[in-house]
């Protein structure tokens, strides 16, 4: 299962980073908000398909998505200055 999950997770993370870049999301605050929106989409769709995801506590998953958005948008902002 791990062998299948890693490439899928990497592809999703890269796709969301591209979406953040193209929509101009920069900075940790805006990134965290975007991450929450990403979490709402990801978790809604994934919970329909994967019962194990549905069984996980929601708040830690949303916090993870917010952290991802904050870090990705921060990196994009720094990359834009370079």
Protein backbone atom coordinates (compact mmCIF):
# COMPACT_ATOMS: atom_id res chain seq x y z
CA UNK A 1 0.00 0.00 0.00
CA UNK A 2 2.86 2.37 0.81
CA UNK A 3 4.40 1.81 -2.62
CA UNK A 4 1.15 2.98 -4.21
CA UNK A 5 0.49 5.82 -1.78
CA UNK A 6 3.85 7.60 -2.11
CA UNK A 7 3.67 8.42 -5.85
CA UNK A 8 0.00 9.39 -5.57
CA UNK A 9 0.72 11.72 -2.64
CA UNK A 10 3.70 13.25 -4.43
CA UNK A 11 1.63 13.84 -7.57
CA UNK A 12 -1.16 15.47 -5.59
CA UNK A 13 1.26 17.67 -3.65
CA UNK A 14 3.00 18.81 -6.84
CA UNK A 15 -0.34 19.47 -8.54
CA UNK A 16 -1.55 21.60 -5.65
CA UNK A 17 1.77 23.49 -5.57
CA UNK A 18 1.35 24.28 -9.27
CA UNK A 19 -2.21 25.45 -8.58
CA UNK A 20 -0.99 27.70 -5.76
CA UNK A 21 1.69 29.11 -8.03
CA UNK A 22 -0.66 29.79 -10.93
CA UNK A 23 -3.25 31.45 -8.72
CA UNK A 24 -0.60 33.68 -7.16
CA UNK A 25 -0.93 32.43 -3.58
CA UNK A 26 2.11 33.76 -1.72
CA UNK A 27 2.98 34.00 1.95
CA UNK A 28 2.28 31.71 4.86
CA UNK A 29 -1.07 33.23 5.85
CA UNK A 30 -2.68 33.04 2.43
CA UNK A 31 -1.06 29.66 1.93
CA UNK A 32 -2.59 28.31 5.14
CA UNK A 33 -6.04 29.47 4.04
CA UNK A 34 -5.51 27.92 0.63
CA UNK A 35 -4.33 24.74 2.37
CA UNK A 36 -7.62 24.57 4.28
CA UNK A 37 -9.50 24.89 1.00
CA UNK A 38 -7.31 22.18 -0.51
CA UNK A 39 -8.05 20.03 2.53
CA UNK A 40 -11.78 20.50 2.10
CA UNK A 41 -11.54 19.32 -1.51
CA UNK A 42 -9.04 16.52 -0.88
CA UNK A 43 -10.72 15.13 2.19
CA UNK A 44 -14.23 15.32 0.75
CA UNK A 45 -13.22 13.42 -2.37
CA UNK A 46 -10.86 10.99 -0.64
CA UNK A 47 -13.33 10.16 2.13
CA UNK A 48 -15.82 9.04 -0.49
CA UNK A 49 -13.33 6.62 -2.02
CA UNK A 50 -11.05 5.52 0.82
CA UNK A 51 -12.76 4.44 4.07
CA UNK A 52 -9.46 4.57 5.99
CA UNK A 53 -9.19 8.30 5.28
CA UNK A 54 -12.79 8.83 6.40
CA UNK A 55 -11.96 7.07 9.70
CA UNK A 56 -9.10 9.48 10.54
CA UNK A 57 -9.74 12.48 12.81
CA UNK A 58 -10.58 15.55 10.73
CA UNK A 59 -8.79 18.34 12.63
CA UNK A 60 -5.26 16.87 12.34
CA UNK A 61 -5.82 16.32 8.62
CA UNK A 62 -6.94 19.91 8.14
CA UNK A 63 -3.97 21.15 10.18
CA UNK A 64 -1.67 19.12 7.92
CA UNK A 65 -3.22 20.69 4.83
CA UNK A 66 -2.94 24.19 6.32
CA UNK A 67 0.73 23.57 7.13
CA UNK A 68 1.34 22.29 3.60
CA UNK A 69 -0.29 25.38 2.09
CA UNK A 70 1.68 27.72 4.35
CA UNK A 71 5.01 26.08 3.55
CA UNK A 72 4.34 25.76 -0.19
CA UNK A 73 3.22 29.40 -0.51
CA UNK A 74 6.20 30.58 1.54
CA UNK A 75 8.58 28.65 -0.74
CA UNK A 76 6.85 30.06 -3.82
CA UNK A 77 7.24 33.59 -2.45
CA UNK A 78 10.95 33.06 -1.80
CA UNK A 79 11.47 31.46 -5.20
CA UNK A 80 9.82 34.47 -6.83
CA UNK A 81 12.34 36.80 -5.18
CA UNK A 82 15.34 34.77 -6.33
